[in-house]
């Protein structure tokens, strides 16, 4: 019974966020402007996600070596 109550409370908060994002009118319609530094960081991050998504093996090898070193 307690789990159901907490699930309902959690669903209320999560669904409220979805409602605010997709169904309510935006309060500020000004376009977002990012500086060159922010664009560079986001570009490097996006490129890393693409590269590690296509070829994750080098990162996996580093992770395995780190785990073995800590044991």
PDB file of N, CA and C in Angstrom:
ATOM      1  N   UNK A   1       0.816  -1.182   0.000  1.00  0.00           N
ATOM      2  CA  UNK A   1       0.000   0.000   0.000  1.00  0.00           C
ATOM      3  C   UNK A   1       0.870   1.260   0.000  1.00  0.00           C
ATOM      4  N   UNK A   2       1.932   1.226   0.799  1.00  0.00           N
ATOM      5  CA  UNK A   2       2.834   2.375   0.858  1.00  0.00           C
ATOM      6  C   UNK A   2       3.529   2.571  -0.490  1.00  0.00           C
ATOM      7  N   UNK A   3       3.932   1.473  -1.131  1.00  0.00           N
ATOM      8  CA  UNK A   3       4.598   1.567  -2.434  1.00  0.00           C
ATOM      9  C   UNK A   3       3.669   2.187  -3.476  1.00  0.00           C
ATOM     10  N   UNK A   4       2.402   1.838  -3.438  1.00  0.00           N
ATOM     11  CA  UNK A   4       1.435   2.408  -4.385  1.00  0.00           C
ATOM     12  C   UNK A   4       1.286   3.906  -4.158  1.00  0.00           C
ATOM     13  N   UNK A   5       1.226   4.319  -2.911  1.00  0.00           N
ATOM     14  CA  UNK A   5       1.092   5.744  -2.605  1.00  0.00           C
ATOM     15  C   UNK A   5       2.315   6.510  -3.094  1.00  0.00           C
ATOM     16  N   UNK A   6       3.514   5.980  -2.826  1.00  0.00           N
ATOM     17  CA  UNK A   6       4.720   6.654  -3.281  1.00  0.00           C
ATOM     18  C   UNK A   6       4.820   6.646  -4.804  1.00  0.00           C
ATOM     19  N   UNK A   7       4.352   5.598  -5.444  1.00  0.00           N
ATOM     20  CA  UNK A   7       4.340   5.559  -6.908  1.00  0.00           C
ATOM     21  C   UNK A   7       3.417   6.624  -7.470  1.00  0.00           C
ATOM     22  N   UNK A   8       2.279   6.815  -6.846  1.00  0.00           N
ATOM     23  CA  UNK A   8       1.359   7.856  -7.294  1.00  0.00           C
ATOM     24  C   UNK A   8       1.959   9.249  -7.107  1.00  0.00           C
ATOM     25  N   UNK A   9       2.630   9.466  -5.991  1.00  0.00           N
ATOM     26  CA  UNK A   9       3.276  10.754  -5.753  1.00  0.00           C
ATOM     27  C   UNK A   9       4.373  10.989  -6.796  1.00  0.00           C
ATOM     28  N   UNK A  10       5.184   9.997  -7.054  1.00  0.00           N
ATOM     29  CA  UNK A  10       6.237  10.115  -8.064  1.00  0.00           C
ATOM     30  C   UNK A  10       5.675  10.347  -9.453  1.00  0.00           C
ATOM     31  N   UNK A  11       4.624   9.622  -9.812  1.00  0.00           N
ATOM     32  CA  UNK A  11       3.997   9.806 -11.121  1.00  0.00           C
ATOM     33  C   UNK A  11       3.443  11.212 -11.259  1.00  0.00           C
ATOM     34  N   UNK A  12       2.873  11.757 -10.190  1.00  0.00           N
ATOM     35  CA  UNK A  12       2.344  13.119 -10.242  1.00  0.00           C
ATOM     36  C   UNK A  12       3.448  14.106 -10.596  1.00  0.00           C
ATOM     37  N   UNK A  13       4.592  14.003  -9.935  1.00  0.00           N
ATOM     38  CA  UNK A  13       5.671  14.951 -10.194  1.00  0.00           C
ATOM     39  C   UNK A  13       6.273  14.753 -11.578  1.00  0.00           C
ATOM     40  N   UNK A  14       6.486  13.513 -12.008  1.00  0.00           N
ATOM     41  CA  UNK A  14       7.073  13.270 -13.325  1.00  0.00           C
ATOM     42  C   UNK A  14       6.114  13.668 -14.443  1.00  0.00           C
ATOM     43  N   UNK A  15       4.857  13.347 -14.304  1.00  0.00           N
ATOM     44  CA  UNK A  15       3.897  13.718 -15.342  1.00  0.00           C
ATOM     45  C   UNK A  15       3.681  15.224 -15.385  1.00  0.00           C
ATOM     46  N   UNK A  16       3.857  15.881 -14.266  1.00  0.00           N
ATOM     47  CA  UNK A  16       3.746  17.347 -14.238  1.00  0.00           C
ATOM     48  C   UNK A  16       4.849  17.974 -15.085  1.00  0.00           C
ATOM     49  N   UNK A  17       6.050  17.434 -15.027  1.00  0.00           N
ATOM     50  CA  UNK A  17       7.157  17.934 -15.842  1.00  0.00           C
ATOM     51  C   UNK A  17       6.859  17.733 -17.322  1.00  0.00           C
ATOM     52  N   UNK A  18       6.340  16.559 -17.682  1.00  0.00           N
ATOM     53  CA  UNK A  18       5.991  16.294 -19.076  1.00  0.00           C
ATOM     54  C   UNK A  18       4.904  17.252 -19.540  1.00  0.00           C
ATOM     55  N   UNK A  19       3.937  17.506 -18.690  1.00  0.00           N
ATOM     56  CA  UNK A  19       2.862  18.436 -19.038  1.00  0.00           C
ATOM     57  C   UNK A  19       3.420  19.835 -19.277  1.00  0.00           C
ATOM     58  N   UNK A  20       4.318  20.287 -18.400  1.00  0.00           N
ATOM     59  CA  UNK A  20       4.917  21.609 -18.561  1.00  0.00           C
ATOM     60  C   UNK A  20       5.738  21.704 -19.844  1.00  0.00           C
ATOM     61  N   UNK A  21       6.440  20.634 -20.194  1.00  0.00           N
ATOM     62  CA  UNK A  21       7.297  20.669 -21.368  1.00  0.00           C
ATOM     63  C   UNK A  21       6.513  20.656 -22.665  1.00  0.00           C
ATOM     64  N   UNK A  22       5.447  19.870 -22.740  1.00  0.00           N
ATOM     65  CA  UNK A  22       4.790  19.643 -24.022  1.00  0.00           C
ATOM     66  C   UNK A  22       3.430  20.311 -24.178  1.00  0.00           C
ATOM     67  N   UNK A  23       2.742  20.596 -23.115  1.00  0.00           N
ATOM     68  CA  UNK A  23       1.362  21.053 -23.252  1.00  0.00           C
ATOM     69  C   UNK A  23       1.129  22.501 -22.831  1.00  0.00           C
ATOM     70  N   UNK A  24       1.967  23.061 -21.972  1.00  0.00           N
ATOM     71  CA  UNK A  24       1.794  24.447 -21.548  1.00  0.00           C
ATOM     72  C   UNK A  24       2.527  25.387 -22.504  1.00  0.00           C
ATOM     73  N   UNK A  25       1.989  26.573 -22.658  1.00  0.00           N
ATOM     74  CA  UNK A  25       2.632  27.579 -23.519  1.00  0.00           C
ATOM     75  C   UNK A  25       3.911  28.076 -22.852  1.00  0.00           C
ATOM     76  N   UNK A  26       4.950  28.318 -23.635  1.00  0.00           N
ATOM     77  CA  UNK A  26       6.198  28.807 -23.039  1.00  0.00           C
ATOM     78  C   UNK A  26       6.041  30.231 -22.511  1.00  0.00           C
ATOM     79  N   UNK A  27       6.724  30.520 -21.424  1.00  0.00           N
ATOM     80  CA  UNK A  27       6.675  31.855 -20.850  1.00  0.00           C
ATOM     81  C   UNK A  27       7.642  32.801 -21.553  1.00  0.00           C
ATOM     82  N   UNK A  28       8.739  32.266 -22.060  1.00  0.00           N
ATOM     83  CA  UNK A  28       9.740  33.078 -22.744  1.00  0.00           C
ATOM     84  C   UNK A  28       9.984  32.463 -24.117  1.00  0.00           C
ATOM     85  N   UNK A  29       9.755  33.215 -25.171  1.00  0.00           N
ATOM     86  CA  UNK A  29       9.908  32.676 -26.524  1.00  0.00           C
ATOM     87  C   UNK A  29      11.177  33.173 -27.199  1.00  0.00           C
ATOM     88  N   UNK A  30      12.049  33.828 -26.467  1.00  0.00           N
ATOM     89  CA  UNK A  30      13.297  34.325 -27.045  1.00  0.00           C
ATOM     90  C   UNK A  30      14.202  33.153 -27.397  1.00  0.00           C
ATOM     91  N   UNK A  31      14.883  33.217 -28.540  1.00  0.00           N
ATOM     92  CA  UNK A  31      15.798  32.119 -28.899  1.00  0.00           C
ATOM     93  C   UNK A  31      17.005  32.084 -27.964  1.00  0.00           C
ATOM     94  N   UNK A  32      17.502  30.893 -27.735  1.00  0.00           N
ATOM     95  CA  UNK A  32      18.684  30.730 -26.880  1.00  0.00           C
ATOM     96  C   UNK A  32      19.936  31.040 -27.685  1.00  0.00           C
ATOM     97  N   UNK A  33      20.844  31.770 -27.097  1.00  0.00           N
ATOM     98  CA  UNK A  33      22.096  32.112 -27.759  1.00  0.00           C
ATOM     99  C   UNK A  33      23.249  31.570 -26.902  1.00  0.00           C
ATOM    100  N   UNK A  34      24.144  30.853 -27.575  1.00  0.00           N
ATOM    101  CA  UNK A  34      25.287  30.269 -26.876  1.00  0.00           C
ATOM    102  C   UNK A  34      26.566  30.932 -27.377  1.00  0.00           C
ATOM    103  N   UNK A  35      27.490  31.131 -26.470  1.00  0.00           N
ATOM    104  CA  UNK A  35      28.777  31.712 -26.852  1.00  0.00           C
ATOM    105  C   UNK A  35      29.608  30.664 -27.595  1.00  0.00           C
ATOM    106  N   UNK A  36      30.701  31.105 -28.146  1.00  0.00           N
ATOM    107  CA  UNK A  36      31.569  30.184 -28.884  1.00  0.00           C
ATOM    108  C   UNK A  36      32.138  29.089 -28.012  1.00  0.00           C
ATOM    109  N   UNK A  37      32.436  29.414 -26.749  1.00  0.00           N
ATOM    110  CA  UNK A  37      32.975  28.401 -25.834  1.00  0.00           C
ATOM    111  C   UNK A  37      31.969  27.289 -25.588  1.00  0.00           C
ATOM    112  N   UNK A  38      30.728  27.677 -25.366  1.00  0.00           N
ATOM    113  CA  UNK A  38      29.689  26.682 -25.100  1.00  0.00           C
ATOM    114  C   UNK A  38      29.467  25.823 -26.338  1.00  0.00           C
ATOM    115  N   UNK A  39      29.460  26.431 -27.505  1.00  0.00           N
ATOM    116  CA  UNK A  39      29.298  25.659 -28.752  1.00  0.00           C
ATOM    117  C   UNK A  39      30.443  24.679 -28.945  1.00  0.00           C
ATOM    118  N   UNK A  40      31.669  25.105 -28.630  1.00  0.00           N
ATOM    119  CA  UNK A  40      32.824  24.219 -28.777  1.00  0.00           C
ATOM    120  C   UNK A  40      32.723  23.029 -27.829  1.00  0.00           C
ATOM    121  N   UNK A  41      32.367  23.272 -26.579  1.00  0.00           N
ATOM    122  CA  UNK A  41      32.241  22.187 -25.602  1.00  0.00           C
ATOM    123  C   UNK A  41      31.141  21.216 -26.018  1.00  0.00           C
ATOM    124  N   UNK A  42      30.000  21.746 -26.462  1.00  0.00           N
ATOM    125  CA  UNK A  42      28.910  20.869 -26.897  1.00  0.00           C
ATOM    126  C   UNK A  42      29.280  20.076 -28.149  1.00  0.00           C
ATOM    127  N   UNK A  43      30.045  20.684 -29.037  1.00  0.00           N
ATOM    128  CA  UNK A  43      30.478  19.976 -30.241  1.00  0.00           C
ATOM    129  C   UNK A  43      31.430  18.835 -29.898  1.00  0.00           C
ATOM    130  N   UNK A  44      32.386  19.108 -29.007  1.00  0.00           N
ATOM    131  CA  UNK A  44      33.325  18.058 -28.585  1.00  0.00           C
ATOM    132  C   UNK A  44      32.577  16.936 -27.873  1.00  0.00           C
ATOM    133  N   UNK A  45      31.621  17.293 -27.032  1.00  0.00           N
ATOM    134  CA  UNK A  45      30.831  16.298 -26.316  1.00  0.00           C
ATOM    135  C   UNK A  45      30.024  15.450 -27.302  1.00  0.00           C
ATOM    136  N   UNK A  46      29.371  16.083 -28.257  1.00  0.00           N
ATOM    137  CA  UNK A  46      28.592  15.348 -29.256  1.00  0.00           C
ATOM    138  C   UNK A  46      29.467  14.422 -30.084  1.00  0.00           C
ATOM    139  N   UNK A  47      30.646  14.910 -30.473  1.00  0.00           N
ATOM    140  CA  UNK A  47      31.571  14.080 -31.240  1.00  0.00           C
ATOM    141  C   UNK A  47      32.032  12.873 -30.420  1.00  0.00           C
ATOM    142  N   UNK A  48      32.310  13.081 -29.136  1.00  0.00           N
ATOM    143  CA  UNK A  48      32.716  11.968 -28.270  1.00  0.00           C
ATOM    144  C   UNK A  48      31.604  10.943 -28.133  1.00  0.00           C
ATOM    145  N   UNK A  49      30.359  11.392 -28.019  1.00  0.00           N
ATOM    146  CA  UNK A  49      29.230  10.458 -27.922  1.00  0.00           C
ATOM    147  C   UNK A  49      29.112   9.634 -29.206  1.00  0.00           C
ATOM    148  N   UNK A  50      29.266  10.285 -30.346  1.00  0.00           N
ATOM    149  CA  UNK A  50      29.171   9.567 -31.621  1.00  0.00           C
ATOM    150  C   UNK A  50      30.302   8.551 -31.750  1.00  0.00           C
ATOM    151  N   UNK A  51      31.529   8.979 -31.461  1.00  0.00           N
ATOM    152  CA  UNK A  51      32.681   8.078 -31.599  1.00  0.00           C
ATOM    153  C   UNK A  51      32.575   6.908 -30.624  1.00  0.00           C
ATOM    154  N   UNK A  52      32.243   7.185 -29.362  1.00  0.00           N
ATOM    155  CA  UNK A  52      32.141   6.094 -28.388  1.00  0.00           C
ATOM    156  C   UNK A  52      30.918   5.227 -28.629  1.00  0.00           C
ATOM    157  N   UNK A  53      29.917   5.757 -29.295  1.00  0.00           N
ATOM    158  CA  UNK A  53      28.759   4.934 -29.656  1.00  0.00           C
ATOM    159  C   UNK A  53      29.074   3.973 -30.787  1.00  0.00           C
ATOM    160  N   UNK A  54      29.924   4.410 -31.712  1.00  0.00           N
ATOM    161  CA  UNK A  54      30.287   3.566 -32.852  1.00  0.00           C
ATOM    162  C   UNK A  54      31.387   2.583 -32.474  1.00  0.00           C
ATOM    163  N   UNK A  55      32.392   3.045 -31.737  1.00  0.00           N
ATOM    164  CA  UNK A  55      33.544   2.209 -31.381  1.00  0.00           C
ATOM    165  C   UNK A  55      33.839   2.339 -29.882  1.00  0.00           C
ATOM    166  N   UNK A  56      33.090   1.633 -29.029  1.00  0.00           N
ATOM    167  CA  UNK A  56      33.299   1.770 -27.583  1.00  0.00           C
ATOM    168  C   UNK A  56      34.443   0.920 -27.032  1.00  0.00           C
ATOM    169  N   UNK A  57      35.069   0.090 -27.853  1.00  0.00           N
ATOM    170  CA  UNK A  57      36.046  -0.866 -27.357  1.00  0.00           C
ATOM    171  C   UNK A  57      37.229  -0.229 -26.635  1.00  0.00           C
ATOM    172  N   UNK A  58      37.850   0.857 -27.137  1.00  0.00           N
ATOM    173  CA  UNK A  58      38.986   1.432 -26.389  1.00  0.00           C
ATOM    174  C   UNK A  58      38.602   1.901 -24.982  1.00  0.00           C
ATOM    175  N   UNK A  59      37.443   2.491 -24.837  1.00  0.00           N
ATOM    176  CA  UNK A  59      36.995   2.921 -23.509  1.00  0.00           C
ATOM    177  C   UNK A  59      36.702   1.717 -22.623  1.00  0.00           C
ATOM    178  N   UNK A  60      36.132   0.676 -23.190  1.00  0.00           N
ATOM    179  CA  UNK A  60      35.843  -0.534 -22.408  1.00  0.00           C
ATOM    180  C   UNK A  60      37.130  -1.181 -21.912  1.00  0.00           C
ATOM    181  N   UNK A  61      38.165  -1.186 -22.745  1.00  0.00           N
ATOM    182  CA  UNK A  61      39.455  -1.746 -22.334  1.00  0.00           C
ATOM    183  C   UNK A  61      40.017  -0.950 -21.164  1.00  0.00           C
ATOM    184  N   UNK A  62      39.943   0.379 -21.223  1.00  0.00           N
ATOM    185  CA  UNK A  62      40.416   1.205 -20.114  1.00  0.00           C
ATOM    186  C   UNK A  62      39.631   0.929 -18.835  1.00  0.00           C
ATOM    187  N   UNK A  63      38.332   0.764 -18.959  1.00  0.00           N
ATOM    188  CA  UNK A  63      37.510   0.475 -17.779  1.00  0.00           C
ATOM    189  C   UNK A  63      37.857  -0.880 -17.174  1.00  0.00           C
ATOM    190  N   UNK A  64      38.058  -1.881 -18.011  1.00  0.00           N
ATOM    191  CA  UNK A  64      38.412  -3.215 -17.518  1.00  0.00           C
ATOM    192  C   UNK A  64      39.767  -3.186 -16.817  1.00  0.00           C
ATOM    193  N   UNK A  65      40.728  -2.461 -17.388  1.00  0.00           N
ATOM    194  CA  UNK A  65      42.052  -2.351 -16.765  1.00  0.00           C
ATOM    195  C   UNK A  65      41.960  -1.616 -15.424  1.00  0.00           C
ATOM    196  N   UNK A  66      41.119  -0.601 -15.325  1.00  0.00           N
ATOM    197  CA  UNK A  66      40.961   0.122 -14.073  1.00  0.00           C
ATOM    198  C   UNK A  66      40.340  -0.766 -13.002  1.00  0.00           C
ATOM    199  N   UNK A  67      39.384  -1.586 -13.391  1.00  0.00           N
ATOM    200  CA  UNK A  67      38.749  -2.501 -12.418  1.00  0.00           C
ATOM    201  C   UNK A  67      39.753  -3.555 -11.966  1.00  0.00           C
ATOM    202  N   UNK A  68      40.518  -4.076 -12.888  1.00  0.00           N
ATOM    203  CA  UNK A  68      41.510  -5.093 -12.514  1.00  0.00           C
ATOM    204  C   UNK A  68      42.592  -4.504 -11.619  1.00  0.00           C
ATOM    205  N   UNK A  69      42.957  -3.254 -11.836  1.00  0.00           N
ATOM    206  CA  UNK A  69      43.983  -2.623 -11.014  1.00  0.00           C
ATOM    207  C   UNK A  69      43.489  -2.356  -9.597  1.00  0.00           C
ATOM    208  N   UNK A  70      42.187  -2.168  -9.445  1.00  0.00           N
ATOM    209  CA  UNK A  70      41.651  -1.865  -8.117  1.00  0.00           C
ATOM    210  C   UNK A  70      41.390  -3.122  -7.300  1.00  0.00           C
ATOM    211  N   UNK A  71      41.456  -4.266  -7.905  1.00  0.00           N
ATOM    212  CA  UNK A  71      41.163  -5.516  -7.163  1.00  0.00           C
ATOM    213  C   UNK A  71      42.394  -6.014  -6.463  1.00  0.00           C
TER     214      UNK A  71
END
